[in-house]
């Protein structure tokens, strides 16, 4: 499996059989990140109306386009092109500083025997149901920018309880990110010992089950776009 971080909450995940999934594509003009050039088999979004997370229409080619908030509201599970996505309805932070909070989905799926979880755009401490949803997770794509998403202390509690093998931070402030309304990655990393954190001087990592650590580690990627 390969995981490539474009920027914000958008990733390209490529399975060993060549199946490709893009997550939560953004609007380049408002996010500051470049247009996503890849043409996946499937593109998934966590929101119905959030231009930082729902722009599947900007992804080229002829992918299947899935909004996982709809899936969360319609049974919570959908199989597409051999990949089973599970989703749970959640919300942006209840006291959002910029607008009324929107509903969003958190989701997970499995490729190459590795389970992957994506936090969507959640802005609140986890409920018991959300903790249970992410049980036995291998790779967790987490919102590491603090407000207006989940508070970093609450996020650390989530990571400590879920105990994923690998944590890949996303959705934090970078030199490209235009709104400037989030923390730099250092705020998130301050919750960990230096020995628990690895830096990938690239935007892509290749993983197999054998590569996964026994204890939770953080892997910081460089954004591709």
Protein backbone atom coordinates (compact mmCIF):
# COMPACT_ATOMS: atom_id res chain seq x y z
CA UNK A 1 0.00 0.00 0.00
CA UNK A 2 1.09 3.56 -0.71
CA UNK A 3 -0.24 6.64 1.10
CA UNK A 4 0.33 10.06 -0.47
CA UNK A 5 -0.65 13.30 1.26
CA UNK A 6 -1.72 16.09 -1.09
CA UNK A 7 -2.44 18.56 1.71
CA UNK A 8 -5.22 19.40 4.18
CA UNK A 9 -7.38 16.22 4.52
CA UNK A 10 -6.73 14.86 1.01
CA UNK A 11 -4.78 11.64 0.48
CA UNK A 12 -4.25 9.15 -2.32
CA UNK A 13 -4.20 5.56 -1.07
CA UNK A 14 -3.08 2.92 -3.54
CA UNK A 15 -3.61 -0.77 -2.85
CA UNK A 16 -1.32 -3.56 -3.95
CA UNK A 17 -3.77 -4.49 -6.70
CA UNK A 18 -3.64 -0.95 -8.08
CA UNK A 19 -6.99 0.22 -6.68
CA UNK A 20 -6.79 3.92 -5.81
CA UNK A 21 -8.82 6.00 -3.34
CA UNK A 22 -8.69 9.77 -2.90
CA UNK A 23 -10.05 11.24 0.35
CA UNK A 24 -11.65 14.62 1.09
CA UNK A 25 -10.47 16.73 -1.86
CA UNK A 26 -10.26 20.47 -1.24
CA UNK A 27 -10.89 23.62 -3.29
CA UNK A 28 -7.47 24.87 -4.47
CA UNK A 29 -8.43 28.56 -4.56
CA UNK A 30 -9.54 28.68 -0.93
CA UNK A 31 -7.20 26.11 0.63
CA UNK A 32 -4.00 27.25 -1.07
CA UNK A 33 -3.04 23.74 -2.18
CA UNK A 34 -2.62 22.89 -5.85
CA UNK A 35 -5.24 21.04 -7.94
CA UNK A 36 -5.14 17.28 -7.49
CA UNK A 37 -3.91 15.76 -10.77
CA UNK A 38 -4.51 12.05 -10.15
CA UNK A 39 -7.45 10.06 -11.53
CA UNK A 40 -8.48 7.48 -8.89
CA UNK A 41 -10.89 4.58 -8.99
CA UNK A 42 -12.84 5.99 -6.03
CA UNK A 43 -13.07 9.43 -4.43
CA UNK A 44 -14.68 9.75 -1.00
CA UNK A 45 -15.77 12.83 0.90
CA UNK A 46 -16.79 13.36 4.52
CA UNK A 47 -19.17 16.27 4.00
CA UNK A 48 -22.07 17.36 1.85
CA UNK A 49 -21.27 21.08 1.77
CA UNK A 50 -17.73 21.86 2.93
CA UNK A 51 -15.50 23.18 0.17
CA UNK A 52 -12.39 22.08 2.07
CA UNK A 53 -13.56 18.45 2.16
CA UNK A 54 -16.20 17.74 -0.49
CA UNK A 55 -14.80 18.66 -3.91
CA UNK A 56 -15.03 15.27 -5.60
CA UNK A 57 -16.25 17.16 -8.66
CA UNK A 58 -12.74 18.53 -9.14
CA UNK A 59 -11.18 15.07 -9.43
CA UNK A 60 -10.63 14.05 -13.03
CA UNK A 61 -11.14 10.75 -14.79
CA UNK A 62 -14.21 8.65 -14.16
CA UNK A 63 -14.05 7.66 -10.49
CA UNK A 64 -16.93 6.47 -8.36
CA UNK A 65 -17.77 9.46 -6.17
CA UNK A 66 -19.01 8.58 -2.67
CA UNK A 67 -20.16 10.96 0.02
CA UNK A 68 -19.66 9.01 3.21
CA UNK A 69 -22.02 11.19 5.25
CA UNK A 70 -24.77 9.72 3.07
CA UNK A 71 -23.35 6.25 3.75
CA UNK A 72 -23.28 6.94 7.51
CA UNK A 73 -26.96 7.86 7.36
CA UNK A 74 -27.89 4.85 5.26
CA UNK A 75 -26.62 1.86 7.18
CA UNK A 76 -23.01 2.91 7.71
CA UNK A 77 -21.35 0.58 5.20
CA UNK A 78 -20.87 0.39 1.43
CA UNK A 79 -18.68 -1.78 -0.78
CA UNK A 80 -17.33 -0.25 -3.99
CA UNK A 81 -14.87 -1.85 -6.42
CA UNK A 82 -14.02 -4.45 -3.78
CA UNK A 83 -13.32 -1.88 -1.04
CA UNK A 84 -15.70 -1.71 1.95
CA UNK A 85 -16.12 1.73 3.50
CA UNK A 86 -17.64 2.16 6.94
CA UNK A 87 -18.81 5.57 8.11
CA UNK A 88 -20.21 7.19 11.23
CA UNK A 89 -21.98 10.56 11.42
CA UNK A 90 -20.28 13.24 13.47
CA UNK A 91 -20.10 17.04 13.56
CA UNK A 92 -17.81 20.00 13.27
CA UNK A 93 -17.14 21.70 16.60
CA UNK A 94 -20.38 22.74 18.25
CA UNK A 95 -19.02 26.22 19.01
CA UNK A 96 -17.49 26.74 15.57
CA UNK A 97 -15.85 30.21 15.43
CA UNK A 98 -16.83 30.92 11.82
CA UNK A 99 -20.28 29.45 11.11
CA UNK A 100 -22.96 27.07 12.33
CA UNK A 101 -21.46 23.56 12.64
CA UNK A 102 -22.06 21.17 9.77
CA UNK A 103 -22.51 17.45 10.04
CA UNK A 104 -19.69 15.32 8.67
CA UNK A 105 -18.61 11.70 8.55
CA UNK A 106 -15.63 9.88 9.95
CA UNK A 107 -14.76 6.73 8.06
CA UNK A 108 -12.55 3.70 7.70
CA UNK A 109 -11.69 1.04 5.16
CA UNK A 110 -9.19 -1.76 4.59
CA UNK A 111 -6.67 -2.42 1.83
CA UNK A 112 -3.89 -5.01 1.75
CA UNK A 113 -4.92 -6.21 5.19
CA UNK A 114 -4.32 -2.74 6.68
CA UNK A 115 -7.21 -0.79 8.21
CA UNK A 116 -7.20 2.97 7.66
CA UNK A 117 -9.27 5.56 9.53
CA UNK A 118 -9.97 9.16 8.49
CA UNK A 119 -11.33 11.74 10.95
CA UNK A 120 -13.17 13.81 8.35
CA UNK A 121 -13.70 17.24 9.93
CA UNK A 122 -14.79 16.33 13.46
CA UNK A 123 -14.54 19.13 16.02
CA UNK A 124 -15.52 17.59 19.36
CA UNK A 125 -14.38 15.00 21.90
CA UNK A 126 -15.21 11.45 20.82
CA UNK A 127 -18.39 9.74 21.93
CA UNK A 128 -18.31 6.11 23.12
CA UNK A 129 -19.72 5.08 19.73
CA UNK A 130 -16.92 6.89 17.90
CA UNK A 131 -14.27 5.23 20.04
CA UNK A 132 -15.82 1.86 19.28
CA UNK A 133 -15.97 2.70 15.56
CA UNK A 134 -12.19 3.06 15.39
CA UNK A 135 -11.35 -0.02 17.46
CA UNK A 136 -8.41 -2.14 16.15
CA UNK A 137 -7.21 0.50 13.70
CA UNK A 138 -3.82 0.26 11.97
CA UNK A 139 -3.35 3.67 10.33
CA UNK A 140 -5.14 6.78 11.63
CA UNK A 141 -5.29 9.98 9.56
CA UNK A 142 -5.85 12.59 12.28
CA UNK A 143 -6.82 16.28 12.43
CA UNK A 144 -3.68 17.85 13.90
CA UNK A 145 -4.42 21.59 13.58
CA UNK A 146 -6.54 22.16 16.71
CA UNK A 147 -9.50 24.59 16.51
CA UNK A 148 -11.67 24.72 14.41
CA UNK A 149 -11.36 20.91 14.50
CA UNK A 150 -10.90 18.64 17.52
CA UNK A 151 -8.96 20.12 20.43
CA UNK A 152 -5.42 18.72 20.51
CA UNK A 153 -5.72 17.46 24.10
CA UNK A 154 -8.93 15.66 23.15
CA UNK A 155 -7.18 14.26 20.06
CA UNK A 156 -4.32 12.93 22.18
CA UNK A 157 -6.86 11.18 24.39
CA UNK A 158 -8.41 9.60 21.27
CA UNK A 159 -5.02 8.35 20.08
CA UNK A 160 -4.13 6.99 23.54
CA UNK A 161 -7.42 5.07 23.76
CA UNK A 162 -7.67 3.83 20.16
CA UNK A 163 -3.96 2.89 20.05
CA UNK A 164 -3.51 2.82 16.26
CA UNK A 165 -0.23 1.44 14.97
CA UNK A 166 0.57 4.51 12.90
CA UNK A 167 -0.72 8.09 13.18
CA UNK A 168 -0.40 10.35 10.14
CA UNK A 169 -1.29 13.97 10.90
CA UNK A 170 -3.26 16.12 8.43
CA UNK A 171 -5.28 19.34 8.42
CA UNK A 172 -2.69 21.54 10.14
CA UNK A 173 -1.23 24.88 9.15
CA UNK A 174 1.44 24.86 6.43
CA UNK A 175 3.08 27.57 4.34
CA UNK A 176 0.53 26.85 1.60
CA UNK A 177 -2.62 26.82 3.71
CA UNK A 178 -4.43 30.13 3.10
CA UNK A 179 -6.90 30.56 5.99
CA UNK A 180 -4.16 30.54 8.70
CA UNK A 181 -6.75 29.48 11.26
CA UNK A 182 -4.97 26.37 12.56
CA UNK A 183 -1.88 25.45 14.54
CA UNK A 184 1.44 24.42 13.04
CA UNK A 185 2.42 20.75 13.35
CA UNK A 186 4.66 21.54 16.34
CA UNK A 187 1.60 22.06 18.57
CA UNK A 188 0.43 18.50 17.86
CA UNK A 189 3.89 16.98 18.17
CA UNK A 190 4.42 18.59 21.58
CA UNK A 191 2.00 15.97 22.95
CA UNK A 192 4.48 13.17 22.07
CA UNK A 193 7.99 12.21 23.04
CA UNK A 194 10.50 12.91 20.28
CA UNK A 195 11.28 9.19 20.14
CA UNK A 196 7.67 8.45 19.11
CA UNK A 197 7.79 10.66 15.99
CA UNK A 198 9.24 9.99 12.54
CA UNK A 199 9.57 12.47 9.67
CA UNK A 200 9.24 11.42 6.05
CA UNK A 201 11.06 13.88 3.79
CA UNK A 202 8.53 13.03 1.09
CA UNK A 203 4.76 13.10 0.59
CA UNK A 204 4.36 9.35 0.12
CA UNK A 205 5.02 6.29 2.25
CA UNK A 206 4.83 2.62 1.26
CA UNK A 207 3.52 0.24 3.91
CA UNK A 208 2.90 -3.45 4.46
CA UNK A 209 1.57 -5.13 7.58
CA UNK A 210 5.13 -6.10 8.43
CA UNK A 211 6.13 -2.41 8.44
CA UNK A 212 3.61 -1.41 11.09
CA UNK A 213 5.07 -0.72 14.54
CA UNK A 214 3.93 -2.64 17.59
CA UNK A 215 3.36 0.56 19.58
CA UNK A 216 1.79 3.76 18.30
CA UNK A 217 4.12 5.99 16.28
CA UNK A 218 3.53 9.28 14.49
CA UNK A 219 4.67 9.72 10.89
CA UNK A 220 4.77 13.28 9.52
CA UNK A 221 4.58 13.56 5.75
CA UNK A 222 5.38 16.52 3.52
CA UNK A 223 2.40 17.74 1.52
CA UNK A 224 2.68 17.00 -2.19
CA UNK A 225 0.76 19.99 -3.54
